[in-house]
Amino acid sequence: MTNTMTYKGYSARIEYDDEDGILTGRIAGIRDGVGFYADTVDALRAAFHEAVEDYIETCERVGKEPQKAYSGQVMFRVSPDVHRRAALAAELEGKSLNQWAEEALDRAAG
């Protein structure tokens, strides 16, 4: 079972609101808050597609570039011990630390 939808490179997390008896979603990975809702899966999918199209059209209308996919550059800090163990694991697998970390993140992200 999945609780996400994807359309034109945009993804949304889907949740159920028991109080209102509706399915809700929000486009992920963009700064603008774009949400949508419906009471059936088919209607939710249509609402999601409409929300993505509206987001793209609104950005064009106001002269703003719609947010796109991520750049692929990730910068974060880890403890020296984690860095050492990761670098050693990568070397033992014959990979660069970047290759090893990408595979580890990919596995973790599913």
C-alpha atoms as a PDB file:
ATOM      1  CA  MET A   1       0.000   0.000   0.000  1.00  0.00           C
ATOM      2  CA  THR A   2       1.271   3.473  -0.830  1.00  0.00           C
ATOM      3  CA  ASN A   3       0.181   6.830   0.453  1.00  0.00           C
ATOM      4  CA  THR A   4       1.708   8.907  -2.334  1.00  0.00           C
ATOM      5  CA  MET A   5       0.707  10.062  -5.795  1.00  0.00           C
ATOM      6  CA  THR A   6       2.980  11.295  -8.580  1.00  0.00           C
ATOM      7  CA  TYR A   7       2.137  13.432 -11.606  1.00  0.00           C
ATOM      8  CA  LYS A   8       4.421  15.392 -13.976  1.00  0.00           C
ATOM      9  CA  GLY A   9       7.373  14.906 -11.637  1.00  0.00           C
ATOM     10  CA  TYR A  10       5.508  16.202  -8.580  1.00  0.00           C
ATOM     11  CA  SER A  11       4.613  13.972  -5.645  1.00  0.00           C
ATOM     12  CA  ALA A  12       2.066  14.279  -2.882  1.00  0.00           C
ATOM     13  CA  ARG A  13       1.514  12.519   0.405  1.00  0.00           C
ATOM     14  CA  ILE A  14      -2.051  11.330   0.894  1.00  0.00           C
ATOM     15  CA  GLU A  15      -3.820  11.203   4.253  1.00  0.00           C
ATOM     16  CA  TYR A  16      -7.317  10.382   5.451  1.00  0.00           C
ATOM     17  CA  ASP A  17      -9.201  12.939   7.558  1.00  0.00           C
ATOM     18  CA  ASP A  18     -11.600  10.848   9.626  1.00  0.00           C
ATOM     19  CA  GLU A  19     -13.334  13.873  11.126  1.00  0.00           C
ATOM     20  CA  ASP A  20     -14.377  15.224   7.720  1.00  0.00           C
ATOM     21  CA  GLY A  21     -14.442  11.859   5.941  1.00  0.00           C
ATOM     22  CA  ILE A  22     -12.164  13.000   3.115  1.00  0.00           C
ATOM     23  CA  LEU A  23      -8.811  12.178   1.570  1.00  0.00           C
ATOM     24  CA  THR A  24      -6.330  15.043   1.575  1.00  0.00           C
ATOM     25  CA  GLY A  25      -3.024  15.659  -0.113  1.00  0.00           C
ATOM     26  CA  ARG A  26      -0.308  18.259  -0.349  1.00  0.00           C
ATOM     27  CA  ILE A  27       2.319  18.640  -3.068  1.00  0.00           C
ATOM     28  CA  ALA A  28       5.677  17.726  -1.530  1.00  0.00           C
ATOM     29  CA  GLY A  29       9.060  19.256  -2.225  1.00  0.00           C
ATOM     30  CA  ILE A  30       7.917  22.801  -3.018  1.00  0.00           C
ATOM     31  CA  ARG A  31       7.889  25.873  -0.786  1.00  0.00           C
ATOM     32  CA  ASP A  32       4.374  26.915  -1.818  1.00  0.00           C
ATOM     33  CA  GLY A  33       1.558  25.263   0.094  1.00  0.00           C
ATOM     34  CA  VAL A  34      -0.551  23.463  -2.507  1.00  0.00           C
ATOM     35  CA  GLY A  35      -3.151  21.130  -1.090  1.00  0.00           C
ATOM     36  CA  PHE A  36      -6.166  19.265  -2.448  1.00  0.00           C
ATOM     37  CA  TYR A  37      -8.909  16.946  -1.204  1.00  0.00           C
ATOM     38  CA  ALA A  38     -11.713  14.660  -2.338  1.00  0.00           C
ATOM     39  CA  ASP A  39     -13.952  11.912  -1.008  1.00  0.00           C
ATOM     40  CA  THR A  40     -12.891   9.150  -3.420  1.00  0.00           C
ATOM     41  CA  VAL A  41      -9.534   7.972  -4.743  1.00  0.00           C
ATOM     42  CA  ASP A  42     -10.479   8.746  -8.359  1.00  0.00           C
ATOM     43  CA  ALA A  43     -11.641  12.235  -7.415  1.00  0.00           C
ATOM     44  CA  LEU A  44      -8.478  12.755  -5.342  1.00  0.00           C
ATOM     45  CA  ARG A  45      -6.287  11.775  -8.293  1.00  0.00           C
ATOM     46  CA  ALA A  46      -8.156  14.273 -10.493  1.00  0.00           C
ATOM     47  CA  ALA A  47      -7.830  16.959  -7.801  1.00  0.00           C
ATOM     48  CA  PHE A  48      -4.089  16.277  -7.542  1.00  0.00           C
ATOM     49  CA  HIS A  49      -3.630  16.591 -11.306  1.00  0.00           C
ATOM     50  CA  GLU A  50      -5.658  19.808 -11.261  1.00  0.00           C
ATOM     51  CA  ALA A  51      -3.565  21.167  -8.352  1.00  0.00           C
ATOM     52  CA  VAL A  52      -0.307  20.468 -10.222  1.00  0.00           C
ATOM     53  CA  GLU A  53      -1.622  22.065 -13.424  1.00  0.00           C
ATOM     54  CA  ASP A  54      -2.883  25.073 -11.462  1.00  0.00           C
ATOM     55  CA  TYR A  55       0.461  25.428  -9.673  1.00  0.00           C
ATOM     56  CA  ILE A  56       2.345  25.429 -12.987  1.00  0.00           C
ATOM     57  CA  GLU A  57      -0.106  27.865 -14.608  1.00  0.00           C
ATOM     58  CA  THR A  58      -0.070  30.201 -11.598  1.00  0.00           C
ATOM     59  CA  CYS A  59       3.726  30.280 -11.589  1.00  0.00           C
ATOM     60  CA  GLU A  60       3.720  31.153 -15.292  1.00  0.00           C
ATOM     61  CA  ARG A  61       1.088  33.861 -14.761  1.00  0.00           C
ATOM     62  CA  VAL A  62       3.074  35.591 -11.989  1.00  0.00           C
ATOM     63  CA  GLY A  63       6.431  35.135 -13.732  1.00  0.00           C
ATOM     64  CA  LYS A  64       7.809  32.655 -11.231  1.00  0.00           C
ATOM     65  CA  GLU A  65       9.696  29.491 -12.166  1.00  0.00           C
ATOM     66  CA  PRO A  66       7.857  26.420 -10.796  1.00  0.00           C
ATOM     67  CA  GLN A  67      10.023  24.447  -8.429  1.00  0.00           C
ATOM     68  CA  LYS A  68      11.536  21.438 -10.156  1.00  0.00           C
ATOM     69  CA  ALA A  69      13.175  18.234  -9.096  1.00  0.00           C
ATOM     70  CA  TYR A  70      15.996  18.357  -6.588  1.00  0.00           C
ATOM     71  CA  SER A  71      19.533  19.176  -7.784  1.00  0.00           C
ATOM     72  CA  GLY A  72      21.112  15.979  -6.490  1.00  0.00           C
ATOM     73  CA  GLN A  73      23.542  17.813  -4.229  1.00  0.00           C
ATOM     74  CA  VAL A  74      23.166  16.974  -0.549  1.00  0.00           C
ATOM     75  CA  MET A  75      25.330  18.496   2.149  1.00  0.00           C
ATOM     76  CA  PHE A  76      25.072  17.395   5.756  1.00  0.00           C
ATOM     77  CA  ARG A  77      27.294  16.796   8.747  1.00  0.00           C
ATOM     78  CA  VAL A  78      27.877  13.509  10.543  1.00  0.00           C
ATOM     79  CA  SER A  79      30.054  12.598  13.483  1.00  0.00           C
ATOM     80  CA  PRO A  80      33.696  11.794  12.701  1.00  0.00           C
ATOM     81  CA  ASP A  81      33.075   8.175  13.716  1.00  0.00           C
ATOM     82  CA  VAL A  82      30.164   7.781  11.264  1.00  0.00           C
ATOM     83  CA  HIS A  83      32.270   9.446   8.558  1.00  0.00           C
ATOM     84  CA  ARG A  84      35.151   7.053   9.225  1.00  0.00           C
ATOM     85  CA  ARG A  85      32.940   3.956   9.209  1.00  0.00           C
ATOM     86  CA  ALA A  86      31.118   5.047   6.039  1.00  0.00           C
ATOM     87  CA  ALA A  87      34.371   5.822   4.226  1.00  0.00           C
ATOM     88  CA  LEU A  88      35.788   2.448   5.259  1.00  0.00           C
ATOM     89  CA  ALA A  89      32.629   0.608   4.149  1.00  0.00           C
ATOM     90  CA  ALA A  90      32.734   2.400   0.775  1.00  0.00           C
ATOM     91  CA  GLU A  91      36.413   1.587   0.277  1.00  0.00           C
ATOM     92  CA  LEU A  92      35.865  -2.074   1.136  1.00  0.00           C
ATOM     93  CA  GLU A  93      33.098  -2.218  -1.490  1.00  0.00           C
ATOM     94  CA  GLY A  94      35.368  -0.546  -4.050  1.00  0.00           C
ATOM     95  CA  LYS A  95      33.174   2.546  -4.275  1.00  0.00           C
ATOM     96  CA  SER A  96      33.580   6.240  -3.703  1.00  0.00           C
ATOM     97  CA  LEU A  97      31.959   7.598  -0.564  1.00  0.00           C
ATOM     98  CA  ASN A  98      29.457   9.447  -2.788  1.00  0.00           C
ATOM     99  CA  GLN A  99      28.455   6.239  -4.610  1.00  0.00           C
ATOM    100  CA  TRP A 100      28.171   4.320  -1.351  1.00  0.00           C
ATOM    101  CA  ALA A 101      26.148   7.098   0.356  1.00  0.00           C
ATOM    102  CA  GLU A 102      23.779   7.412  -2.617  1.00  0.00           C
ATOM    103  CA  GLU A 103      23.041   3.682  -2.492  1.00  0.00           C
ATOM    104  CA  ALA A 104      22.554   3.797   1.289  1.00  0.00           C
ATOM    105  CA  LEU A 105      20.189   6.785   1.040  1.00  0.00           C
ATOM    106  CA  ASP A 106      18.306   5.124  -1.830  1.00  0.00           C
ATOM    107  CA  ARG A 107      17.778   1.972   0.232  1.00  0.00           C
ATOM    108  CA  ALA A 108      16.700   3.963   3.273  1.00  0.00           C
ATOM    109  CA  ALA A 109      14.302   6.123   1.267  1.00  0.00           C
ATOM    110  CA  GLY A 110      12.717   3.063  -0.347  1.00  0.00           C
END
